[in-house]
């Protein structure tokens, strides 16, 4: 489900449920209570890229420039390094080939999943973030909600 939350934040909610009516009603109420609303299916798709994200601890002997060149053949589009943790990004259709590349290179994966990355991240004030965080907390506390993605910078 997708919606506009308080202050215009875009929210993409992935759910898994045995009772669609209950889940839709619950999610809709979270949006309504925080000044937001659900939007028609597909209306926010273009504002998020669906990506494969692979997280791993950088081995001491790994040269990231060489790693990038070798992994391009497996679908790697980009990577970000944060101290010893590296995040590798690929198109969602390359999930299998990218993780296979890690296996072949004997690089231990900490976490691998599909994520929705905002195409145009937006910054909000601290006051606005308080309202936005209320919505996100309510959504994440719901047992049927599997993942929440936003266009927060």
C-alpha atoms as a PDB file:
ATOM      1  CA  UNK A   1       0.000   0.000   0.000  1.00  0.00           C
ATOM      2  CA  UNK A   2       1.147   3.503  -0.644  1.00  0.00           C
ATOM      3  CA  UNK A   3       0.216   6.810   0.896  1.00  0.00           C
ATOM      4  CA  UNK A   4       1.061  10.368   1.654  1.00  0.00           C
ATOM      5  CA  UNK A   5       1.784  10.876   5.300  1.00  0.00           C
ATOM      6  CA  UNK A   6       1.944  14.065   7.316  1.00  0.00           C
ATOM      7  CA  UNK A   7       3.780  16.955   5.630  1.00  0.00           C
ATOM      8  CA  UNK A   8       3.667  15.151   2.281  1.00  0.00           C
ATOM      9  CA  UNK A   9       6.116  12.354   3.132  1.00  0.00           C
ATOM     10  CA  UNK A  10       5.698   9.437   0.740  1.00  0.00           C
ATOM     11  CA  UNK A  11       5.277   6.053   2.402  1.00  0.00           C
ATOM     12  CA  UNK A  12       5.406   2.641   0.736  1.00  0.00           C
ATOM     13  CA  UNK A  13       4.069  -0.150   2.975  1.00  0.00           C
ATOM     14  CA  UNK A  14       4.572  -3.860   2.266  1.00  0.00           C
ATOM     15  CA  UNK A  15       2.199  -6.198   4.086  1.00  0.00           C
ATOM     16  CA  UNK A  16       1.534  -9.916   4.451  1.00  0.00           C
ATOM     17  CA  UNK A  17      -1.837 -10.845   5.890  1.00  0.00           C
ATOM     18  CA  UNK A  18      -4.515 -13.487   6.177  1.00  0.00           C
ATOM     19  CA  UNK A  19      -7.191 -10.771   6.411  1.00  0.00           C
ATOM     20  CA  UNK A  20      -6.857  -8.072   3.757  1.00  0.00           C
ATOM     21  CA  UNK A  21      -9.888  -6.119   4.995  1.00  0.00           C
ATOM     22  CA  UNK A  22      -8.418  -5.778   8.495  1.00  0.00           C
ATOM     23  CA  UNK A  23      -4.953  -4.819   7.252  1.00  0.00           C
ATOM     24  CA  UNK A  24      -6.204  -2.197   4.798  1.00  0.00           C
ATOM     25  CA  UNK A  25      -8.484  -0.718   7.483  1.00  0.00           C
ATOM     26  CA  UNK A  26      -5.642  -0.599  10.019  1.00  0.00           C
ATOM     27  CA  UNK A  27      -3.132   0.993   7.639  1.00  0.00           C
ATOM     28  CA  UNK A  28      -5.714   3.483   6.404  1.00  0.00           C
ATOM     29  CA  UNK A  29      -6.511   4.482   9.993  1.00  0.00           C
ATOM     30  CA  UNK A  30      -2.803   5.083  10.741  1.00  0.00           C
ATOM     31  CA  UNK A  31      -2.590   7.459   7.780  1.00  0.00           C
ATOM     32  CA  UNK A  32      -5.861   9.205   8.653  1.00  0.00           C
ATOM     33  CA  UNK A  33      -4.880   9.726  12.311  1.00  0.00           C
ATOM     34  CA  UNK A  34      -1.644  11.449  11.281  1.00  0.00           C
ATOM     35  CA  UNK A  35      -3.131  13.651   8.567  1.00  0.00           C
ATOM     36  CA  UNK A  36      -2.232  11.431   5.640  1.00  0.00           C
ATOM     37  CA  UNK A  37      -4.107   9.266   3.179  1.00  0.00           C
ATOM     38  CA  UNK A  38      -3.722   6.194   0.993  1.00  0.00           C
ATOM     39  CA  UNK A  39      -3.194   6.786  -2.713  1.00  0.00           C
ATOM     40  CA  UNK A  40      -4.230   4.625  -5.703  1.00  0.00           C
ATOM     41  CA  UNK A  41      -2.136   1.545  -6.425  1.00  0.00           C
ATOM     42  CA  UNK A  42       0.841   2.290  -8.649  1.00  0.00           C
ATOM     43  CA  UNK A  43       0.713   6.054  -8.192  1.00  0.00           C
ATOM     44  CA  UNK A  44       4.010   6.220  -6.286  1.00  0.00           C
ATOM     45  CA  UNK A  45       5.913   3.443  -8.083  1.00  0.00           C
ATOM     46  CA  UNK A  46       7.984   5.915 -10.112  1.00  0.00           C
ATOM     47  CA  UNK A  47       9.178   7.624  -6.929  1.00  0.00           C
ATOM     48  CA  UNK A  48      10.977   4.503  -5.672  1.00  0.00           C
ATOM     49  CA  UNK A  49      13.558   2.223  -7.299  1.00  0.00           C
ATOM     50  CA  UNK A  50      13.379  -1.420  -6.335  1.00  0.00           C
ATOM     51  CA  UNK A  51      16.924  -2.559  -5.597  1.00  0.00           C
ATOM     52  CA  UNK A  52      18.873  -5.558  -4.423  1.00  0.00           C
ATOM     53  CA  UNK A  53      20.870  -4.513  -1.363  1.00  0.00           C
ATOM     54  CA  UNK A  54      23.657  -6.755  -0.082  1.00  0.00           C
ATOM     55  CA  UNK A  55      25.414  -5.852   3.167  1.00  0.00           C
ATOM     56  CA  UNK A  56      28.769  -7.334   4.136  1.00  0.00           C
ATOM     57  CA  UNK A  57      31.745  -6.692   6.377  1.00  0.00           C
ATOM     58  CA  UNK A  58      34.734  -5.614   4.291  1.00  0.00           C
ATOM     59  CA  UNK A  59      37.514  -8.186   4.457  1.00  0.00           C
ATOM     60  CA  UNK A  60      40.886  -6.584   5.257  1.00  0.00           C
ATOM     61  CA  UNK A  61      42.413  -7.686   1.947  1.00  0.00           C
ATOM     62  CA  UNK A  62      39.519  -6.507  -0.253  1.00  0.00           C
ATOM     63  CA  UNK A  63      40.260  -3.677  -2.667  1.00  0.00           C
ATOM     64  CA  UNK A  64      36.896  -1.990  -3.316  1.00  0.00           C
ATOM     65  CA  UNK A  65      37.875  -0.736  -6.789  1.00  0.00           C
ATOM     66  CA  UNK A  66      38.768  -4.280  -7.869  1.00  0.00           C
ATOM     67  CA  UNK A  67      35.642  -5.601  -6.151  1.00  0.00           C
ATOM     68  CA  UNK A  68      33.479  -3.173  -8.129  1.00  0.00           C
ATOM     69  CA  UNK A  69      35.026  -4.172 -11.466  1.00  0.00           C
ATOM     70  CA  UNK A  70      34.668  -7.895 -10.730  1.00  0.00           C
ATOM     71  CA  UNK A  71      31.072  -7.629  -9.475  1.00  0.00           C
ATOM     72  CA  UNK A  72      29.741  -5.567 -12.408  1.00  0.00           C
ATOM     73  CA  UNK A  73      29.402  -8.836 -14.329  1.00  0.00           C
ATOM     74  CA  UNK A  74      27.038 -10.036 -11.574  1.00  0.00           C
ATOM     75  CA  UNK A  75      24.824  -6.945 -11.796  1.00  0.00           C
ATOM     76  CA  UNK A  76      26.488  -4.576  -9.308  1.00  0.00           C
ATOM     77  CA  UNK A  77      25.441  -0.980 -10.029  1.00  0.00           C
ATOM     78  CA  UNK A  78      27.066   0.814  -7.099  1.00  0.00           C
ATOM     79  CA  UNK A  79      28.292   0.413  -3.542  1.00  0.00           C
ATOM     80  CA  UNK A  80      28.661   2.513  -0.387  1.00  0.00           C
ATOM     81  CA  UNK A  81      31.235   1.923   2.324  1.00  0.00           C
ATOM     82  CA  UNK A  82      30.643   2.912   5.936  1.00  0.00           C
ATOM     83  CA  UNK A  83      33.741   2.126   8.039  1.00  0.00           C
ATOM     84  CA  UNK A  84      33.943  -1.693   7.757  1.00  0.00           C
ATOM     85  CA  UNK A  85      30.421  -2.272   6.379  1.00  0.00           C
ATOM     86  CA  UNK A  86      29.811  -2.199   2.632  1.00  0.00           C
ATOM     87  CA  UNK A  87      26.418  -1.965   0.904  1.00  0.00           C
ATOM     88  CA  UNK A  88      26.260  -3.273  -2.667  1.00  0.00           C
ATOM     89  CA  UNK A  89      23.347  -2.203  -4.907  1.00  0.00           C
ATOM     90  CA  UNK A  90      21.908  -3.842  -8.019  1.00  0.00           C
ATOM     91  CA  UNK A  91      18.598  -3.937  -9.847  1.00  0.00           C
ATOM     92  CA  UNK A  92      16.047  -6.155  -8.101  1.00  0.00           C
ATOM     93  CA  UNK A  93      16.153  -8.576 -11.043  1.00  0.00           C
ATOM     94  CA  UNK A  94      19.854  -9.232 -10.316  1.00  0.00           C
ATOM     95  CA  UNK A  95      19.347 -10.494  -6.753  1.00  0.00           C
ATOM     96  CA  UNK A  96      20.296 -14.092  -7.598  1.00  0.00           C
ATOM     97  CA  UNK A  97      23.260 -13.257  -9.784  1.00  0.00           C
ATOM     98  CA  UNK A  98      24.697 -10.710  -7.335  1.00  0.00           C
ATOM     99  CA  UNK A  99      24.458 -13.055  -4.354  1.00  0.00           C
ATOM    100  CA  UNK A 100      25.988 -15.803  -6.523  1.00  0.00           C
ATOM    101  CA  UNK A 101      28.907 -13.458  -7.222  1.00  0.00           C
ATOM    102  CA  UNK A 102      29.477 -13.019  -3.499  1.00  0.00           C
ATOM    103  CA  UNK A 103      29.414 -16.785  -3.048  1.00  0.00           C
ATOM    104  CA  UNK A 104      31.920 -17.322  -5.867  1.00  0.00           C
ATOM    105  CA  UNK A 105      34.225 -14.636  -4.421  1.00  0.00           C
ATOM    106  CA  UNK A 106      33.867 -16.218  -0.937  1.00  0.00           C
ATOM    107  CA  UNK A 107      32.623 -12.950   0.565  1.00  0.00           C
ATOM    108  CA  UNK A 108      30.359 -13.570   3.566  1.00  0.00           C
ATOM    109  CA  UNK A 109      27.018 -11.731   3.260  1.00  0.00           C
ATOM    110  CA  UNK A 110      25.667 -10.184   6.467  1.00  0.00           C
ATOM    111  CA  UNK A 111      22.270  -9.349   4.963  1.00  0.00           C
ATOM    112  CA  UNK A 112      20.703  -9.450   1.496  1.00  0.00           C
ATOM    113  CA  UNK A 113      17.217  -8.216   0.606  1.00  0.00           C
ATOM    114  CA  UNK A 114      15.102  -6.189  -1.777  1.00  0.00           C
ATOM    115  CA  UNK A 115      14.449  -2.579  -0.817  1.00  0.00           C
ATOM    116  CA  UNK A 116      12.639   0.400  -2.256  1.00  0.00           C
ATOM    117  CA  UNK A 117      15.002   3.359  -2.527  1.00  0.00           C
ATOM    118  CA  UNK A 118      13.495   6.837  -3.020  1.00  0.00           C
ATOM    119  CA  UNK A 119      14.400   8.445  -6.339  1.00  0.00           C
ATOM    120  CA  UNK A 120      14.069  11.936  -4.846  1.00  0.00           C
ATOM    121  CA  UNK A 121      14.775  11.950  -1.082  1.00  0.00           C
ATOM    122  CA  UNK A 122      13.321  14.890   0.850  1.00  0.00           C
ATOM    123  CA  UNK A 123      14.478  16.491   4.098  1.00  0.00           C
ATOM    124  CA  UNK A 124      12.009  17.544   6.785  1.00  0.00           C
ATOM    125  CA  UNK A 125      12.323  19.763   9.861  1.00  0.00           C
ATOM    126  CA  UNK A 126      12.612  18.246  13.334  1.00  0.00           C
ATOM    127  CA  UNK A 127       9.026  19.316  14.062  1.00  0.00           C
ATOM    128  CA  UNK A 128       7.771  17.618  10.890  1.00  0.00           C
ATOM    129  CA  UNK A 129       9.827  14.505  11.668  1.00  0.00           C
ATOM    130  CA  UNK A 130       7.986  14.115  14.985  1.00  0.00           C
ATOM    131  CA  UNK A 131       4.673  13.694  13.141  1.00  0.00           C
ATOM    132  CA  UNK A 132       6.217  11.479  10.461  1.00  0.00           C
ATOM    133  CA  UNK A 133       7.862   9.219  13.052  1.00  0.00           C
ATOM    134  CA  UNK A 134       4.473   8.714  14.752  1.00  0.00           C
ATOM    135  CA  UNK A 135       3.075   7.301  11.512  1.00  0.00           C
ATOM    136  CA  UNK A 136       6.120   5.123  10.854  1.00  0.00           C
ATOM    137  CA  UNK A 137       6.050   3.760  14.425  1.00  0.00           C
ATOM    138  CA  UNK A 138       2.344   2.870  14.139  1.00  0.00           C
ATOM    139  CA  UNK A 139       2.933   1.115  10.828  1.00  0.00           C
ATOM    140  CA  UNK A 140       5.978  -0.817  12.048  1.00  0.00           C
ATOM    141  CA  UNK A 141       4.112  -1.944  15.189  1.00  0.00           C
ATOM    142  CA  UNK A 142       1.396  -3.612  13.071  1.00  0.00           C
ATOM    143  CA  UNK A 143       1.950  -7.384  12.828  1.00  0.00           C
ATOM    144  CA  UNK A 144       0.828  -7.463   9.176  1.00  0.00           C
ATOM    145  CA  UNK A 145       3.328  -4.807   8.045  1.00  0.00           C
ATOM    146  CA  UNK A 146       6.500  -6.367   6.683  1.00  0.00           C
ATOM    147  CA  UNK A 147       8.412  -3.238   5.583  1.00  0.00           C
ATOM    148  CA  UNK A 148       7.989   0.539   5.462  1.00  0.00           C
ATOM    149  CA  UNK A 149       9.851   2.699   2.935  1.00  0.00           C
ATOM    150  CA  UNK A 150       9.782   6.494   2.780  1.00  0.00           C
ATOM    151  CA  UNK A 151      11.282   9.305   0.738  1.00  0.00           C
ATOM    152  CA  UNK A 152      13.122  10.653   3.793  1.00  0.00           C
ATOM    153  CA  UNK A 153      16.642  11.880   3.061  1.00  0.00           C
END
